[in-house]
Amino acid sequence: MEEDRLVNIESKVALQEDLMESLNQTVYRQQKKIDELEALCTALAGRLKDMAALAASSAGQRIVDERPPHY
């Protein structure tokens, strides 16, 4: 009886350890993807800023952020 309880507890602990490892791997993959997406957003924002500056300098005007007319 006591041995069955101990085996049951050990089984539960082993399953929890497996679940924890699985969750850790999932969090790691998600963080890696978030880091990649942040780097991509930063690069795209930089390119957009460069393009806006280029367009402004070629047009000889300053680009102003304005609300679209439908707002």
C-alpha atoms as a PDB file:
ATOM      1  CA  MET A   1       0.000   0.000   0.000  1.00  0.00           C
ATOM      2  CA  GLU A   2       2.714   2.473   1.036  1.00  0.00           C
ATOM      3  CA  GLU A   3       4.869   1.348  -1.893  1.00  0.00           C
ATOM      4  CA  ASP A   4       1.986   1.981  -4.334  1.00  0.00           C
ATOM      5  CA  ARG A   5       1.631   5.538  -3.014  1.00  0.00           C
ATOM      6  CA  LEU A   6       5.347   6.123  -3.440  1.00  0.00           C
ATOM      7  CA  VAL A   7       5.322   4.752  -6.996  1.00  0.00           C
ATOM      8  CA  ASN A   8       2.313   6.938  -7.801  1.00  0.00           C
ATOM      9  CA  ILE A   9       4.056  10.054  -6.457  1.00  0.00           C
ATOM     10  CA  GLU A  10       7.265   9.243  -8.355  1.00  0.00           C
ATOM     11  CA  SER A  11       5.273   8.790 -11.562  1.00  0.00           C
ATOM     12  CA  LYS A  12       3.585  12.148 -11.100  1.00  0.00           C
ATOM     13  CA  VAL A  13       6.912  13.859 -10.443  1.00  0.00           C
ATOM     14  CA  ALA A  14       8.422  12.286 -13.566  1.00  0.00           C
ATOM     15  CA  LEU A  15       5.472  13.451 -15.674  1.00  0.00           C
ATOM     16  CA  GLN A  16       5.768  16.963 -14.237  1.00  0.00           C
ATOM     17  CA  GLU A  17       9.484  17.042 -15.057  1.00  0.00           C
ATOM     18  CA  ASP A  18       8.716  16.028 -18.659  1.00  0.00           C
ATOM     19  CA  LEU A  19       6.025  18.673 -18.893  1.00  0.00           C
ATOM     20  CA  MET A  20       8.358  21.315 -17.452  1.00  0.00           C
ATOM     21  CA  GLU A  21      11.050  20.461 -19.993  1.00  0.00           C
ATOM     22  CA  SER A  22       8.510  20.630 -22.815  1.00  0.00           C
ATOM     23  CA  LEU A  23       7.265  24.011 -21.621  1.00  0.00           C
ATOM     24  CA  ASN A  24      10.836  25.312 -21.302  1.00  0.00           C
ATOM     25  CA  GLN A  25      11.561  24.299 -24.891  1.00  0.00           C
ATOM     26  CA  THR A  26       8.380  26.000 -26.075  1.00  0.00           C
ATOM     27  CA  VAL A  27       9.231  29.219 -24.231  1.00  0.00           C
ATOM     28  CA  TYR A  28      12.770  29.119 -25.646  1.00  0.00           C
ATOM     29  CA  ARG A  29      11.477  28.741 -29.221  1.00  0.00           C
ATOM     30  CA  GLN A  30       8.950  31.522 -28.723  1.00  0.00           C
ATOM     31  CA  GLN A  31      11.577  33.896 -27.293  1.00  0.00           C
ATOM     32  CA  LYS A  32      13.896  33.122 -30.180  1.00  0.00           C
ATOM     33  CA  LYS A  33      11.103  33.951 -32.641  1.00  0.00           C
ATOM     34  CA  ILE A  34      10.250  37.168 -30.746  1.00  0.00           C
ATOM     35  CA  ASP A  35      13.906  38.220 -30.915  1.00  0.00           C
ATOM     36  CA  GLU A  36      13.962  37.554 -34.674  1.00  0.00           C
ATOM     37  CA  LEU A  37      10.763  39.542 -35.206  1.00  0.00           C
ATOM     38  CA  GLU A  38      12.056  42.466 -33.125  1.00  0.00           C
ATOM     39  CA  ALA A  39      15.245  42.563 -35.201  1.00  0.00           C
ATOM     40  CA  LEU A  40      13.182  42.470 -38.391  1.00  0.00           C
ATOM     41  CA  CYS A  41      10.923  45.302 -37.189  1.00  0.00           C
ATOM     42  CA  THR A  42      13.958  47.387 -36.261  1.00  0.00           C
ATOM     43  CA  ALA A  43      15.513  46.798 -39.664  1.00  0.00           C
ATOM     44  CA  LEU A  44      12.259  47.631 -41.463  1.00  0.00           C
ATOM     45  CA  ALA A  45      11.785  50.798 -39.413  1.00  0.00           C
ATOM     46  CA  GLY A  46      15.315  51.858 -40.291  1.00  0.00           C
ATOM     47  CA  ARG A  47      14.739  51.222 -43.985  1.00  0.00           C
ATOM     48  CA  LEU A  48      11.457  53.126 -43.890  1.00  0.00           C
ATOM     49  CA  LYS A  49      13.144  56.065 -42.179  1.00  0.00           C
ATOM     50  CA  ASP A  50      15.939  56.015 -44.769  1.00  0.00           C
ATOM     51  CA  MET A  51      13.437  55.895 -47.614  1.00  0.00           C
ATOM     52  CA  ALA A  52      11.451  58.781 -46.139  1.00  0.00           C
ATOM     53  CA  ALA A  53      14.606  60.851 -45.741  1.00  0.00           C
ATOM     54  CA  LEU A  54      15.617  60.058 -49.310  1.00  0.00           C
ATOM     55  CA  ALA A  55      12.187  60.977 -50.635  1.00  0.00           C
ATOM     56  CA  ALA A  56      12.195  64.219 -48.655  1.00  0.00           C
ATOM     57  CA  SER A  57      15.644  65.202 -49.850  1.00  0.00           C
ATOM     58  CA  SER A  58      14.856  64.393 -53.484  1.00  0.00           C
ATOM     59  CA  ALA A  59      11.600  66.342 -53.349  1.00  0.00           C
ATOM     60  CA  GLY A  60      13.238  69.211 -51.497  1.00  0.00           C
ATOM     61  CA  GLN A  61      10.487  69.113 -48.905  1.00  0.00           C
ATOM     62  CA  ARG A  62      10.114  67.938 -45.363  1.00  0.00           C
ATOM     63  CA  ILE A  63       7.779  64.994 -44.956  1.00  0.00           C
ATOM     64  CA  VAL A  64       5.194  65.656 -42.279  1.00  0.00           C
ATOM     65  CA  ASP A  65       3.176  62.927 -40.626  1.00  0.00           C
ATOM     66  CA  GLU A  66      -0.395  63.878 -41.335  1.00  0.00           C
ATOM     67  CA  ARG A  67      -3.632  62.122 -40.627  1.00  0.00           C
ATOM     68  CA  PRO A  68      -5.261  60.620 -43.670  1.00  0.00           C
ATOM     69  CA  PRO A  69      -8.346  62.564 -44.765  1.00  0.00           C
ATOM     70  CA  HIS A  70     -10.752  59.782 -43.780  1.00  0.00           C
ATOM     71  CA  TYR A  71     -10.052  60.332 -40.046  1.00  0.00           C
END
